[in-house]
């Protein structure tokens, strides 16, 4: 289990795409994870739902 700080460092090392820019600022469907699949998966689900 990674520490919260390690997860944030991982998030900062990711490419600056739409997911990494939008997810931390706008939690999708109650997901507040800064990095990891939860944030990206929730954003994808929200994008599909609202399109």
N, C-alpha and C. Protein backbone atom coordinates (compact mmCIF):
# COMPACT_ATOMS: atom_id res chain seq x y z
N UNK A 1 0.85 -1.20 0.00
CA UNK A 1 0.00 0.00 0.00
C UNK A 1 0.89 1.25 0.00
N UNK A 2 0.71 2.05 -1.00
CA UNK A 2 1.52 3.27 -1.08
C UNK A 2 1.01 4.30 -0.09
N UNK A 3 1.92 5.13 0.39
CA UNK A 3 1.52 6.24 1.24
C UNK A 3 0.82 7.30 0.39
N UNK A 4 0.08 8.18 1.04
CA UNK A 4 -0.62 9.25 0.32
C UNK A 4 0.38 10.13 -0.42
N UNK A 5 1.51 10.42 0.24
CA UNK A 5 2.51 11.29 -0.38
C UNK A 5 3.11 10.60 -1.61
N UNK A 6 3.39 9.31 -1.50
CA UNK A 6 3.95 8.59 -2.64
C UNK A 6 2.96 8.61 -3.81
N UNK A 7 1.68 8.47 -3.51
CA UNK A 7 0.67 8.50 -4.56
C UNK A 7 0.64 9.87 -5.24
N UNK A 8 0.79 10.93 -4.44
CA UNK A 8 0.79 12.26 -5.04
C UNK A 8 2.02 12.47 -5.91
N UNK A 9 3.17 11.94 -5.48
CA UNK A 9 4.37 12.04 -6.30
C UNK A 9 4.16 11.28 -7.60
N UNK A 10 3.53 10.12 -7.54
CA UNK A 10 3.23 9.37 -8.76
C UNK A 10 2.33 10.19 -9.68
N UNK A 11 1.35 10.86 -9.09
CA UNK A 11 0.42 11.66 -9.88
C UNK A 11 1.17 12.79 -10.60
N UNK A 12 2.12 13.40 -9.90
CA UNK A 12 2.87 14.50 -10.51
C UNK A 12 3.77 14.01 -11.62
N UNK A 13 4.15 12.73 -11.59
CA UNK A 13 5.04 12.21 -12.61
C UNK A 13 4.29 11.74 -13.85
N UNK A 14 2.99 11.68 -13.77
CA UNK A 14 2.19 11.25 -14.92
C UNK A 14 2.20 12.33 -15.99
N UNK A 15 1.95 11.96 -17.24
CA UNK A 15 1.82 12.96 -18.30
C UNK A 15 0.67 13.91 -17.95
N UNK A 16 0.83 15.17 -18.28
CA UNK A 16 -0.21 16.15 -17.94
C UNK A 16 -1.31 16.10 -18.99
N UNK A 17 -2.12 15.07 -18.91
CA UNK A 17 -3.24 14.95 -19.84
C UNK A 17 -4.50 15.45 -19.13
N UNK A 18 -5.62 15.32 -19.78
CA UNK A 18 -6.86 15.85 -19.21
C UNK A 18 -7.20 15.17 -17.88
N UNK A 19 -6.94 13.87 -17.79
CA UNK A 19 -7.27 13.15 -16.56
C UNK A 19 -6.55 13.73 -15.36
N UNK A 20 -5.23 13.94 -15.47
CA UNK A 20 -4.47 14.39 -14.32
C UNK A 20 -4.78 15.85 -14.00
N UNK A 21 -5.21 16.61 -14.98
CA UNK A 21 -5.55 18.00 -14.72
C UNK A 21 -6.92 18.14 -14.09
N UNK A 22 -7.88 17.36 -14.56
CA UNK A 22 -9.28 17.55 -14.15
C UNK A 22 -9.61 16.80 -12.87
N UNK A 23 -9.12 15.57 -12.75
CA UNK A 23 -9.58 14.73 -11.64
C UNK A 23 -9.32 15.30 -10.25
N UNK A 24 -8.12 15.77 -9.94
CA UNK A 24 -7.90 16.26 -8.58
C UNK A 24 -8.79 17.44 -8.24
N UNK A 25 -9.08 18.28 -9.23
CA UNK A 25 -9.87 19.48 -8.97
C UNK A 25 -11.36 19.19 -8.91
N UNK A 26 -11.81 18.22 -9.69
CA UNK A 26 -13.25 17.93 -9.78
C UNK A 26 -13.45 16.45 -9.51
N UNK A 27 -13.81 16.08 -8.27
CA UNK A 27 -14.06 14.67 -7.97
C UNK A 27 -15.28 14.17 -8.76
N UNK A 28 -15.10 13.08 -9.49
CA UNK A 28 -16.21 12.52 -10.26
C UNK A 28 -16.91 11.43 -9.47
N UNK A 29 -18.21 11.54 -9.34
CA UNK A 29 -19.02 10.50 -8.71
C UNK A 29 -18.49 10.14 -7.33
N UNK A 30 -18.06 11.15 -6.58
CA UNK A 30 -17.61 10.93 -5.21
C UNK A 30 -16.20 10.41 -5.09
N UNK A 31 -15.45 10.36 -6.19
CA UNK A 31 -14.08 9.85 -6.13
C UNK A 31 -13.13 11.01 -5.87
N UNK A 32 -12.38 10.91 -4.77
CA UNK A 32 -11.46 11.98 -4.41
C UNK A 32 -10.01 11.53 -4.53
N UNK A 33 -9.76 10.44 -5.25
CA UNK A 33 -8.40 9.92 -5.38
C UNK A 33 -7.62 10.79 -6.36
N UNK A 34 -6.46 11.26 -5.94
CA UNK A 34 -5.67 12.14 -6.79
C UNK A 34 -5.02 11.36 -7.92
N UNK A 35 -4.50 10.19 -7.61
CA UNK A 35 -3.85 9.38 -8.64
C UNK A 35 -4.38 7.95 -8.57
N UNK A 36 -4.17 7.22 -9.64
CA UNK A 36 -4.62 5.83 -9.66
C UNK A 36 -5.82 5.64 -10.53
N UNK A 37 -6.22 4.38 -10.71
CA UNK A 37 -7.26 4.05 -11.67
C UNK A 37 -8.62 4.57 -11.24
N UNK A 38 -8.85 4.72 -9.93
CA UNK A 38 -10.17 5.16 -9.47
C UNK A 38 -10.53 6.49 -10.11
N UNK A 39 -9.63 7.43 -10.03
CA UNK A 39 -9.90 8.76 -10.56
C UNK A 39 -10.15 8.70 -12.06
N UNK A 40 -9.27 8.02 -12.78
CA UNK A 40 -9.43 7.94 -14.23
C UNK A 40 -10.69 7.17 -14.60
N UNK A 41 -10.96 6.07 -13.89
CA UNK A 41 -12.14 5.28 -14.22
C UNK A 41 -13.40 6.06 -13.95
N UNK A 42 -13.44 6.81 -12.84
CA UNK A 42 -14.63 7.59 -12.52
C UNK A 42 -14.83 8.68 -13.56
N UNK A 43 -13.76 9.31 -14.00
CA UNK A 43 -13.89 10.35 -15.00
C UNK A 43 -14.40 9.76 -16.31
N UNK A 44 -13.88 8.61 -16.70
CA UNK A 44 -14.33 7.97 -17.93
C UNK A 44 -15.81 7.63 -17.83
N UNK A 45 -16.22 7.12 -16.67
CA UNK A 45 -17.63 6.78 -16.48
C UNK A 45 -18.49 8.03 -16.56
N UNK A 46 -18.03 9.12 -15.96
CA UNK A 46 -18.79 10.37 -16.00
C UNK A 46 -18.87 10.90 -17.43
N UNK A 47 -17.76 10.81 -18.16
CA UNK A 47 -17.76 11.29 -19.54
C UNK A 47 -18.76 10.50 -20.38
N UNK A 48 -18.79 9.18 -20.20
CA UNK A 48 -19.74 8.36 -20.96
C UNK A 48 -21.17 8.70 -20.56
N UNK A 49 -21.38 8.94 -19.27
CA UNK A 49 -22.74 9.18 -18.78
C UNK A 49 -23.30 10.48 -19.33
N UNK A 50 -22.47 11.51 -19.41
CA UNK A 50 -22.96 12.83 -19.80
C UNK A 50 -22.91 13.09 -21.30
N UNK A 51 -22.31 12.16 -22.07
CA UNK A 51 -22.28 12.37 -23.52
C UNK A 51 -23.55 11.85 -24.16
